[in-house]
Protein backbone atom coordinates (compact mmCIF):
# COMPACT_ATOMS: atom_id res chain seq x y z
CA MET A 1 19.79 35.71 -22.91
CA SER A 2 21.15 33.42 -25.60
CA LYS A 3 20.13 30.16 -27.28
CA ILE A 4 22.72 27.48 -27.49
CA ILE A 5 22.62 24.18 -29.43
CA ALA A 6 25.34 21.92 -28.04
CA MET A 7 27.19 20.27 -30.94
CA ALA A 8 29.21 18.37 -28.41
CA PRO A 9 28.80 17.55 -24.74
CA SER A 10 29.88 20.43 -22.52
CA VAL A 11 30.53 21.33 -18.90
CA ARG A 12 29.42 24.87 -17.91
CA PHE A 13 30.72 26.19 -14.62
CA VAL A 14 29.62 29.21 -12.74
CA LEU A 15 32.53 30.96 -11.06
CA GLU A 16 30.58 34.02 -9.75
CA GLY A 17 26.93 35.07 -9.66
CA GLU A 18 24.18 32.89 -11.08
CA GLU A 19 23.13 31.45 -14.41
CA THR A 20 19.88 29.85 -15.42
CA TYR A 21 19.45 27.32 -18.26
CA VAL A 22 16.13 26.55 -19.77
CA ILE A 23 16.29 22.96 -21.20
CA ASP A 24 13.29 20.94 -22.43
CA GLY A 25 11.01 23.52 -20.83
CA ARG A 26 12.60 23.24 -17.38
CA SER A 27 14.69 25.98 -15.72
CA ARG A 28 17.87 24.89 -13.98
CA ARG A 29 19.51 27.55 -11.78
CA LEU A 30 23.21 27.38 -11.12
CA ARG A 31 24.85 29.19 -8.21
CA ALA A 32 28.49 30.05 -7.80
CA GLY A 33 30.66 26.88 -7.68
CA GLU A 34 28.10 24.68 -9.45
CA PHE A 35 28.28 23.18 -12.93
CA ILE A 36 25.96 21.67 -15.48
CA ILE A 37 26.87 19.00 -17.92
CA VAL A 38 24.77 19.38 -21.15
CA ASP A 39 24.52 16.51 -23.62
CA GLU A 40 25.26 16.95 -27.30
CA GLY A 41 22.45 18.06 -29.50
CA VAL A 42 20.58 19.58 -26.62
CA GLU A 43 19.13 23.10 -27.09
CA SER A 44 19.27 25.38 -24.13
CA VAL A 45 18.49 29.08 -23.42
CA ALA A 46 21.02 30.59 -21.06
CA LYS A 47 20.07 33.56 -18.74
CA THR A 48 23.15 35.07 -17.15
CA ALA A 49 23.08 37.65 -14.38
CA ALA A 50 25.00 40.87 -15.08
CA ASP A 51 27.60 40.07 -12.43
CA ALA A 52 28.06 36.38 -13.43
CA THR A 53 31.31 34.81 -14.58
CA GLY A 54 31.25 31.43 -16.21
CA PHE A 55 33.48 28.98 -17.92
CA CYS A 56 32.63 26.31 -20.48
CA VAL A 57 34.60 23.23 -21.58
CA TYR A 58 33.49 21.18 -24.63
CA LEU A 59 34.18 17.45 -24.40
CA PRO A 60 35.42 15.05 -27.01
CA PHE A 61 32.54 12.64 -26.38
CA HIS A 62 30.03 11.54 -28.98
CA ALA A 63 27.06 9.21 -28.66
CA PRO A 64 26.69 6.22 -30.99
CA ASP A 65 24.66 6.85 -34.16
CA GLY A 66 20.95 7.03 -33.32
CA ALA A 67 21.49 7.45 -29.55
CA ARG A 68 20.36 10.46 -27.64
CA GLY A 69 23.63 11.01 -25.94
CA PHE A 70 26.00 9.81 -23.29
CA LEU A 71 24.26 11.27 -20.23
CA GLY A 72 21.01 9.53 -20.42
CA SER A 73 19.44 12.94 -19.61
CA PRO A 74 19.55 16.31 -21.42
CA ALA A 75 21.59 17.80 -18.61
CA ILE A 76 22.80 17.03 -15.11
CA ILE A 77 23.75 19.48 -12.36
CA GLY A 78 26.86 18.97 -10.20
CA SER A 79 27.41 20.48 -6.72
CA SER A 80 30.16 22.83 -5.60
CA ILE A 81 31.89 20.09 -3.56
CA ASP A 82 32.35 17.57 -6.39
CA PRO A 83 36.01 17.10 -7.46
CA LEU A 84 35.05 18.17 -10.94
CA ALA A 85 33.97 21.52 -9.68
CA THR A 86 37.20 21.92 -7.73
CA LEU A 87 39.17 21.06 -10.97
CA ILE A 88 37.33 23.58 -13.19
CA ARG A 89 37.22 26.33 -10.48
CA ALA A 90 41.09 26.32 -10.22
CA TYR A 91 41.51 27.13 -13.92
CA ALA A 92 38.46 29.37 -14.32
CA SER A 93 39.73 31.44 -11.34
CA ALA A 94 43.14 31.81 -13.03
CA VAL A 95 41.51 32.88 -16.32
CA ALA A 96 39.30 35.44 -14.51
CA ALA A 97 42.36 36.91 -12.78
CA GLY A 98 44.30 37.10 -16.08
CA GLU A 99 46.86 34.51 -14.86
CA ALA A 100 46.04 31.96 -17.62
CA ARG A 101 45.66 33.09 -21.24
CA THR A 102 45.93 29.77 -23.05
CA VAL A 103 44.19 26.39 -22.42
CA PRO A 104 46.63 23.78 -20.95
CA GLU A 105 47.06 20.91 -23.26
CA ASN A 106 45.80 18.43 -20.70
CA LEU A 107 42.74 20.47 -19.52
CA ILE A 108 40.38 18.77 -21.78
CA GLY A 109 41.64 15.41 -20.82
CA LEU A 110 41.43 16.19 -17.10
CA VAL A 111 37.91 17.52 -17.38
CA SER A 112 36.84 14.50 -19.54
CA ASN A 113 38.16 12.14 -16.91
CA GLY A 114 36.48 14.17 -14.27
CA VAL A 115 33.15 13.97 -16.12
CA GLU A 116 33.51 10.20 -16.43
CA ASP A 117 34.16 9.88 -12.65
CA PHE A 118 31.25 12.15 -11.90
CA MET A 119 28.84 10.31 -14.13
CA CYS A 120 29.96 6.94 -12.59
CA GLY A 121 29.30 8.24 -9.10
CA PHE A 122 25.99 9.95 -10.07
CA SER A 123 24.68 6.70 -11.68
CA LYS A 124 25.43 4.77 -8.54
CA LYS A 125 23.58 7.34 -6.39
CA ARG A 126 20.60 7.17 -8.85
CA ALA A 127 20.54 3.42 -8.53
CA ARG A 128 20.20 3.56 -4.81
CA LEU A 129 16.90 5.44 -4.97
CA SER A 130 13.99 3.07 -4.52
CA HIS A 131 11.01 5.43 -4.63
CA ALA A 132 11.60 7.35 -7.88
CA ARG A 133 11.80 6.57 -11.64
CA GLY A 134 13.52 7.98 -14.72
CA THR A 135 14.32 11.69 -14.81
CA SER A 136 12.91 12.17 -11.27
CA LYS A 137 15.86 10.16 -10.00
CA THR A 138 18.22 12.62 -11.63
CA ASP A 139 16.41 15.55 -10.10
CA ILE A 140 16.38 14.01 -6.61
CA VAL A 141 20.12 13.20 -6.70
CA GLU A 142 20.85 16.78 -7.85
CA ARG A 143 18.80 18.14 -4.83
CA VAL A 144 20.47 15.72 -2.38
CA GLU A 145 23.98 16.75 -3.61
CA ARG A 146 23.09 20.40 -3.42
CA VAL A 147 21.95 20.09 0.20
CA ARG A 148 25.05 18.04 1.00
CA ALA A 149 27.24 20.93 -0.35
CA PHE A 150 25.11 23.28 1.78
CA MET A 151 26.00 21.16 4.88
CA HIS A 152 29.67 21.26 4.11
CA ALA A 153 29.46 25.02 3.64
CA ASN A 154 27.79 25.29 7.10
CA ALA A 155 29.84 22.82 9.03
CA ASP A 156 30.26 25.32 11.89
CA THR A 157 26.54 26.13 12.04
CA PRO A 158 23.69 24.24 13.71
CA LEU A 159 21.08 23.20 11.03
CA THR A 160 17.69 21.73 11.41
CA LEU A 161 15.93 19.26 9.09
CA ASP A 162 13.66 22.17 8.14
CA ASP A 163 16.67 24.21 7.03
CA LEU A 164 17.97 21.28 4.89
CA ALA A 165 14.52 20.56 3.42
CA LYS A 166 14.18 24.18 2.46
CA GLU A 167 17.54 24.14 0.74
CA ALA A 168 16.67 20.96 -1.19
CA CYS A 169 13.08 22.12 -1.94
CA LEU A 170 11.78 18.73 -0.65
CA SER A 171 9.57 17.84 2.22
CA ARG A 172 11.34 16.83 5.43
CA PHE A 173 10.24 13.22 5.07
CA HIS A 174 11.33 13.00 1.41
CA LEU A 175 14.73 14.51 2.07
CA ALA A 176 15.30 12.26 5.06
CA ARG A 177 14.42 9.17 2.98
CA THR A 178 16.24 9.98 -0.17
CA PHE A 179 19.40 11.30 1.51
CA SER A 180 19.52 8.16 3.66
CA GLU A 181 19.20 5.95 0.54
CA VAL A 182 21.94 7.84 -1.40
CA HIS A 183 24.50 8.19 1.34
CA ALA A 184 23.49 5.44 3.76
CA VAL A 185 23.16 7.94 6.67
CA PRO A 186 20.42 10.39 7.65
CA PRO A 187 21.09 14.06 6.75
CA LEU A 188 21.28 15.40 10.31
CA ARG A 189 23.67 12.66 11.23
CA TYR A 190 25.79 13.42 8.23
CA HIS A 191 25.96 17.04 9.23
CA ARG A 192 26.71 16.23 12.81
CA SER A 193 29.69 14.20 11.60
CA LEU A 194 30.90 17.29 9.65
CA ARG A 195 30.47 19.51 12.66
CA MET A 196 32.49 16.99 14.80
CA GLU A 197 35.20 16.98 12.23
CA ALA A 198 35.29 20.80 12.26
CA ALA A 199 35.46 20.71 16.03
CA ALA A 200 38.41 18.30 15.92
CA LYS A 201 40.29 20.63 13.59
CA LYS A 202 39.72 23.54 16.02
CA LEU A 203 41.03 21.42 18.87
CA ALA A 204 44.07 20.39 16.87
CA HIS A 205 44.87 24.03 16.29
CA ALA A 206 44.12 24.98 19.90
CA THR A 207 41.63 27.71 18.91
CA ILE A 208 38.84 26.63 21.26
CA SER A 209 38.34 24.69 24.46
CA PRO A 210 36.34 21.45 24.68
CA THR A 211 33.84 23.32 26.95
CA GLU A 212 33.23 25.95 24.29
CA LEU A 213 33.02 23.34 21.56
CA ALA A 214 30.41 21.31 23.52
CA ALA A 215 28.24 24.36 23.70
CA ASP A 216 28.76 25.27 20.09
CA LEU A 217 27.76 21.76 18.94
CA GLY A 218 24.57 21.87 21.09
CA TYR A 219 25.56 19.25 23.69
CA ALA A 220 23.80 19.73 26.99
CA THR A 221 26.96 18.88 29.00
CA LEU A 222 30.69 18.51 28.42
CA SER A 223 30.51 14.92 29.44
CA ALA A 224 28.00 14.16 26.68
CA PHE A 225 30.28 15.84 24.11
CA THR A 226 33.28 13.93 25.49
CA ARG A 227 31.47 10.55 25.02
CA ALA A 228 30.49 11.42 21.43
CA PHE A 229 33.97 12.59 20.63
CA ARG A 230 35.61 9.55 22.14
CA ARG A 231 33.32 7.28 20.01
CA ARG A 232 34.45 9.00 16.86
CA TYR A 233 38.21 9.52 17.55
CA GLY A 234 38.97 6.97 20.25
CA VAL A 235 40.18 9.61 22.68
CA PRO A 236 38.62 12.40 24.77
CA PRO A 237 38.84 16.04 23.39
CA SER A 238 41.52 17.06 25.89
CA GLU A 239 43.83 14.30 24.74
CA TYR A 240 43.04 14.74 21.07
CA ALA A 241 44.23 18.42 21.37
CA SER A 242 47.73 17.11 22.00
CA GLN A 243 47.63 14.50 19.21
CA PRO A 244 46.45 16.24 16.12
CA MET A 245 47.63 13.43 13.83
CA LEU A 246 44.62 11.51 15.04
CA ILE A 247 42.47 13.62 12.75
CA GLY A 248 42.46 10.86 10.21
CA ARG A 249 40.63 8.46 12.65
CA GLN A 250 37.10 9.27 11.77
CA THR A 251 33.81 7.41 11.50
CA VAL A 252 30.32 8.64 10.82
CA GLU A 253 28.33 8.44 14.00
């Protein structure tokens, strides 16, 4: 356990294991692949599991005199599917493997740009929430993005609204409402779209038959699956298998 006072904004990424940060009396748990942006001047207590591996990048941002910081919040958690996580993971993995011993000259600039893009997107998501205020909006968006990452990690697995609500630590109703506001589509519909995309990739690589896919996706009949697939990709599954370039033709059902 260690106490940290951030003299500059930082991005702390968890490559393996888990880390917990206590900030302003609130515990924030990070799992592998997730990151937290901590504002300058913020005091945090870090609790790191014995098997955890992390990576930290300090940013050349500074708030105007008298301002709290550039985040508008002491800290914000980002999910494992955010582009910023992908960027940091690539370098952190190389460092952990002993393949990178010096910091690339452009790493700070790349991460800084990634943070600005992340904050822009996060602010837009916060603004879409109509039933929350202040810091609770930040917390809700963090939960929505974590459950979205969970859906991406389980694109081949049937999930229920109860499964998603448990992952988000929200009620079924609250998750359905807030996810729909942030992403303009209900969570189960979003996940069904991911599963259909995964199914299309399997068809493109001829690793499974349309009949098997229909059963895996929970469709009662092959014809029901075929109708849904045609609505999304414009062709039936059997035809799609011979035209894999159509994989770019996607719409959320």
